[in-house]
Amino acid sequence: MEKVFLLSLGTMKTAAIIGDGDFPKKDFPRYLLASADIVICCDGALKPYLRNMESVFGKERYPDAIVGDMDSISPSLRKRFRNKIIHIKEQDDNDQTKAVRHLLGNFPGVKEIHILGATGKREDHTVGNMSLLMEYGRLFGLQDKGISIDMVSDYSTSFPVWDSCELHVGKERKVSIFSPDNSLNMVSEGLEYQTSGVVFDNWWKATLNKATDDVVRLTFSHPSMALITLD
């Protein structure tokens, strides 16, 4: 059973990807940004990033890359940061996915990816961005490479799992589980409400649970994908 230790910052290389949602105001997501070795902005996120940069880092700290289709960035910023812009025109993937792909292809050694500013403003973008966390295992083989990825806002932390695992979440933590796989049976230990027998045929089916122990264990009937959201 895989052990998942949430947000265990150490000597490993970390990256922050900034989306064009609500820029974080609370200490924890801003700490993750300030601690990141690599910072990538989706194109529309550049303006709020620059506005908040000095309050986060205590100095000017420009992003290492600005990735996207460049439909949400002013001509003046495009000119100013032309050496950092990665213009990807294709529309099959959103800017978040383009940023993750660019990060993995151009910055070796990254073991933790924190996506910030990916929620808020538009509910459709929020739902899409959160669900993509599960897809990145299939697209980029993150679990095989030992790379963790999560999405952190002022209100929650979300991360994907692809098989049976232990989650060190802390007792009393609010836990919601989502999965697109209605053939998956997930047996839980350490949750107030047992997930075994839940049919994942709608988004709400395993939400609003709570940890009754420091460690939550989830046993999958087969390798699949699920999204865990914590308060």
Protein backbone atom coordinates (compact mmCIF):
# COMPACT_ATOMS: atom_id res chain seq x y z
CA MET A 1 0.00 0.00 0.00
CA GLU A 2 1.38 3.37 -1.03
CA LYS A 3 1.99 5.84 1.78
CA VAL A 4 1.07 9.42 1.00
CA PHE A 5 2.66 12.03 3.26
CA LEU A 6 0.97 15.28 2.42
CA LEU A 7 3.05 18.30 1.52
CA SER A 8 6.27 17.00 3.04
CA LEU A 9 8.60 19.80 2.07
CA GLY A 10 12.29 18.98 2.41
CA THR A 11 15.39 19.02 0.24
CA MET A 12 13.47 17.86 -2.83
CA LYS A 13 12.89 20.30 -5.67
CA THR A 14 9.46 21.91 -5.62
CA ALA A 15 7.51 23.87 -8.19
CA ALA A 16 4.54 26.20 -8.04
CA ILE A 17 2.18 26.70 -10.97
CA ILE A 18 0.00 29.80 -10.70
CA GLY A 19 -3.43 29.84 -12.34
CA ASP A 20 -5.66 32.79 -13.15
CA GLY A 21 -8.18 32.13 -10.39
CA ASP A 22 -8.14 33.68 -6.94
CA PHE A 23 -4.58 34.49 -5.95
CA PRO A 24 -4.02 33.00 -2.47
CA LYS A 25 -4.28 35.29 0.55
CA LYS A 26 -3.69 32.83 3.39
CA ASP A 27 -0.31 31.95 4.80
CA PHE A 28 -0.07 28.29 3.80
CA PRO A 29 -0.49 28.55 0.01
CA ARG A 30 1.67 31.67 0.00
CA TYR A 31 4.32 29.74 1.93
CA LEU A 32 4.28 27.03 -0.73
CA LEU A 33 4.83 29.68 -3.38
CA ALA A 34 7.60 31.41 -1.43
CA SER A 35 9.35 28.03 -0.90
CA ALA A 36 9.17 26.89 -4.51
CA ASP A 37 12.38 26.39 -6.47
CA ILE A 38 10.54 26.93 -9.76
CA VAL A 39 7.60 29.22 -10.47
CA ILE A 40 5.49 29.01 -13.63
CA CYS A 41 2.59 31.32 -14.37
CA CYS A 42 -0.28 30.52 -16.69
CA ASP A 43 -0.57 33.54 -18.97
CA GLY A 44 -3.52 35.28 -17.29
CA ALA A 45 -1.98 34.75 -13.85
CA LEU A 46 1.05 36.92 -14.59
CA LYS A 47 -0.62 40.23 -13.68
CA PRO A 48 -1.88 39.18 -10.20
CA TYR A 49 1.42 37.37 -9.59
CA LEU A 50 3.40 40.56 -10.25
CA ARG A 51 1.03 42.51 -8.02
CA ASN A 52 1.59 40.08 -5.10
CA MET A 53 5.20 39.08 -5.78
CA GLU A 54 6.97 41.30 -3.28
CA SER A 55 4.51 40.58 -0.46
CA VAL A 56 5.12 36.84 -0.96
CA PHE A 57 8.89 36.81 -1.52
CA GLY A 58 9.91 40.06 0.12
CA LYS A 59 11.58 41.06 -3.16
CA GLU A 60 11.14 40.88 -6.92
CA ARG A 61 11.01 37.27 -8.04
CA TYR A 62 9.90 36.88 -11.65
CA PRO A 63 8.45 33.57 -12.86
CA ASP A 64 10.74 31.10 -14.58
CA ALA A 65 8.24 30.68 -17.40
CA ILE A 66 4.87 32.05 -18.54
CA VAL A 67 2.90 29.36 -20.35
CA GLY A 68 -0.34 29.39 -22.33
CA ASP A 69 -2.11 30.45 -25.49
CA MET A 70 -1.47 34.11 -24.55
CA ASP A 71 -5.12 35.11 -24.89
CA SER A 72 -5.17 36.65 -21.39
CA ILE A 73 -2.01 38.75 -21.30
CA SER A 74 -1.55 42.37 -22.36
CA PRO A 75 0.74 43.32 -25.25
CA SER A 76 2.92 45.33 -22.84
CA LEU A 77 3.48 42.29 -20.59
CA ARG A 78 4.11 40.08 -23.60
CA LYS A 79 6.83 42.46 -24.71
CA ARG A 80 8.31 42.88 -21.23
CA PHE A 81 8.55 39.13 -20.56
CA ARG A 82 9.12 37.93 -24.12
CA ASN A 83 12.14 35.85 -23.05
CA LYS A 84 10.05 33.89 -20.55
CA ILE A 85 6.90 33.37 -22.61
CA ILE A 86 6.11 29.87 -23.86
CA HIS A 87 3.36 30.38 -26.43
CA ILE A 88 1.39 27.17 -27.02
CA LYS A 89 -1.44 27.72 -29.48
CA GLU A 90 -3.18 24.34 -29.38
CA GLN A 91 -6.56 24.28 -27.64
CA ASP A 92 -6.83 20.59 -26.79
CA ASP A 93 -5.35 21.29 -23.35
CA ASN A 94 -5.97 24.17 -20.98
CA ASP A 95 -3.18 26.44 -19.75
CA GLN A 96 -2.80 24.51 -16.49
CA THR A 97 -2.05 21.29 -18.37
CA LYS A 98 0.30 23.12 -20.73
CA ALA A 99 2.14 24.50 -17.70
CA VAL A 100 2.47 21.06 -16.08
CA ARG A 101 3.75 19.57 -19.32
CA HIS A 102 6.29 22.37 -19.80
CA LEU A 103 7.47 22.04 -16.21
CA LEU A 104 8.04 18.29 -16.47
CA GLY A 105 9.76 18.59 -19.84
CA ASN A 106 12.10 21.44 -18.98
CA PHE A 107 12.85 21.38 -15.25
CA PRO A 108 14.26 17.97 -14.26
CA GLY A 109 14.39 16.90 -10.63
CA VAL A 110 11.03 18.28 -9.55
CA LYS A 111 9.36 15.99 -7.00
CA GLU A 112 6.53 18.20 -5.74
CA ILE A 113 4.16 20.34 -7.80
CA HIS A 114 1.80 22.77 -6.07
CA ILE A 115 -0.89 24.36 -8.21
CA LEU A 116 -2.12 27.65 -6.75
CA GLY A 117 -4.73 30.13 -7.96
CA ALA A 118 -6.55 27.43 -9.92
CA THR A 119 -9.94 27.88 -8.22
CA GLY A 120 -12.37 30.74 -7.76
CA LYS A 121 -13.86 33.28 -10.18
CA ARG A 122 -15.36 30.62 -12.47
CA GLU A 123 -16.90 27.38 -11.21
CA ASP A 124 -16.46 25.63 -14.56
CA HIS A 125 -12.72 26.31 -14.52
CA THR A 126 -12.53 25.17 -10.89
CA VAL A 127 -14.22 21.83 -11.58
CA GLY A 128 -12.17 21.26 -14.73
CA ASN A 129 -8.86 22.14 -13.09
CA MET A 130 -9.50 19.91 -10.08
CA SER A 131 -10.54 16.94 -12.21
CA LEU A 132 -7.39 17.28 -14.31
CA LEU A 133 -5.27 16.37 -11.28
CA MET A 134 -6.45 12.77 -11.71
CA GLU A 135 -5.66 12.80 -15.44
CA TYR A 136 -2.05 13.86 -14.91
CA GLY A 137 -1.18 10.41 -13.62
CA ARG A 138 -2.27 8.90 -16.93
CA LEU A 139 -0.86 11.70 -19.08
CA PHE A 140 2.51 12.11 -17.37
CA GLY A 141 3.01 8.96 -15.28
CA LEU A 142 3.52 10.98 -12.11
CA GLN A 143 3.01 8.05 -9.75
CA ASP A 144 5.65 5.99 -11.57
CA LYS A 145 8.11 8.89 -11.38
CA GLY A 146 7.49 9.54 -7.68
CA ILE A 147 6.19 13.05 -8.34
CA SER A 148 3.40 14.40 -6.13
CA ILE A 149 0.94 17.02 -7.31
CA ASP A 150 -1.70 18.96 -5.45
CA MET A 151 -3.93 22.00 -5.74
CA VAL A 152 -3.98 24.33 -2.75
CA SER A 153 -6.31 27.28 -2.20
CA ASP A 154 -7.26 29.41 0.79
CA TYR A 155 -9.94 26.81 1.57
CA SER A 156 -8.73 23.35 0.65
CA THR A 157 -6.01 20.99 -0.51
CA SER A 158 -6.78 18.52 -3.30
CA PHE A 159 -4.60 15.74 -4.67
CA PRO A 160 -5.02 12.58 -6.79
CA VAL A 161 -4.46 8.96 -5.83
CA TRP A 162 -4.38 6.09 -8.28
CA ASP A 163 -4.36 3.00 -6.07
CA SER A 164 -4.62 1.82 -2.46
CA CYS A 165 -2.89 4.27 -0.14
CA GLU A 166 -2.37 5.65 3.35
CA LEU A 167 -3.18 9.32 3.83
CA HIS A 168 -1.60 11.05 6.82
CA VAL A 169 -4.27 13.73 7.19
CA GLY A 170 -4.73 14.23 10.92
CA LYS A 171 -7.72 13.35 13.08
CA GLU A 172 -10.90 15.43 12.59
CA ARG A 173 -9.82 16.57 9.11
CA LYS A 174 -12.71 16.95 6.69
CA VAL A 175 -12.28 14.59 3.74
CA SER A 176 -14.14 14.37 0.44
CA ILE A 177 -13.46 11.75 -2.23
CA PHE A 178 -14.34 11.96 -5.93
CA SER A 179 -13.83 9.37 -8.65
CA PRO A 180 -15.03 8.99 -12.26
CA ASP A 181 -14.85 5.17 -11.99
CA ASN A 182 -18.23 3.68 -11.11
CA SER A 183 -16.71 0.16 -11.09
CA LEU A 184 -14.32 1.06 -8.26
CA ASN A 185 -14.98 -0.29 -4.76
CA MET A 186 -13.02 1.61 -2.15
CA VAL A 187 -12.75 0.22 1.39
CA SER A 188 -11.81 2.85 3.97
CA GLU A 189 -10.31 2.81 7.44
CA GLY A 190 -10.15 5.92 9.59
CA LEU A 191 -13.17 7.71 8.13
CA GLU A 192 -16.43 8.40 9.93
CA TYR A 193 -18.47 7.02 7.02
CA GLN A 194 -17.33 3.82 5.29
CA THR A 195 -16.77 4.19 1.54
CA SER A 196 -17.12 0.47 0.75
CA GLY A 197 -20.19 -0.02 -1.41
CA VAL A 198 -20.28 3.58 -2.61
CA VAL A 199 -20.95 3.67 -6.34
CA PHE A 200 -19.09 6.62 -7.84
CA ASP A 201 -21.78 7.57 -10.31
CA ASN A 202 -22.07 11.20 -9.24
CA TRP A 203 -19.74 13.76 -7.71
CA TRP A 204 -21.33 13.96 -4.27
CA LYS A 205 -21.27 10.24 -3.47
CA ALA A 206 -18.26 10.18 -1.07
CA THR A 207 -18.06 13.80 -0.03
CA LEU A 208 -18.39 15.49 3.39
CA ASN A 209 -16.62 12.76 5.37
CA LYS A 210 -14.29 13.20 8.36
CA ALA A 211 -11.12 11.48 9.57
CA THR A 212 -11.53 9.61 12.86
CA ASP A 213 -7.81 8.84 13.06
CA ASP A 214 -4.57 10.53 12.05
CA VAL A 215 -4.16 8.09 9.16
CA VAL A 216 -6.84 7.21 6.60
CA ARG A 217 -6.37 3.98 4.62
CA LEU A 218 -8.09 3.46 1.29
CA THR A 219 -8.03 0.03 -0.37
CA PHE A 220 -8.96 0.03 -4.07
CA SER A 221 -10.52 -2.99 -5.76
CA HIS A 222 -8.29 -2.22 -8.75
CA PRO A 223 -5.91 0.57 -9.85
CA SER A 224 -8.02 3.55 -10.83
CA MET A 225 -8.13 7.24 -10.04
CA ALA A 226 -9.66 9.37 -7.30
CA LEU A 227 -9.41 12.93 -6.06
CA ILE A 228 -9.07 13.65 -2.34
CA THR A 229 -10.05 17.08 -1.02
CA LEU A 230 -9.19 18.16 2.52
CA ASP A 231 -10.23 21.29 4.39
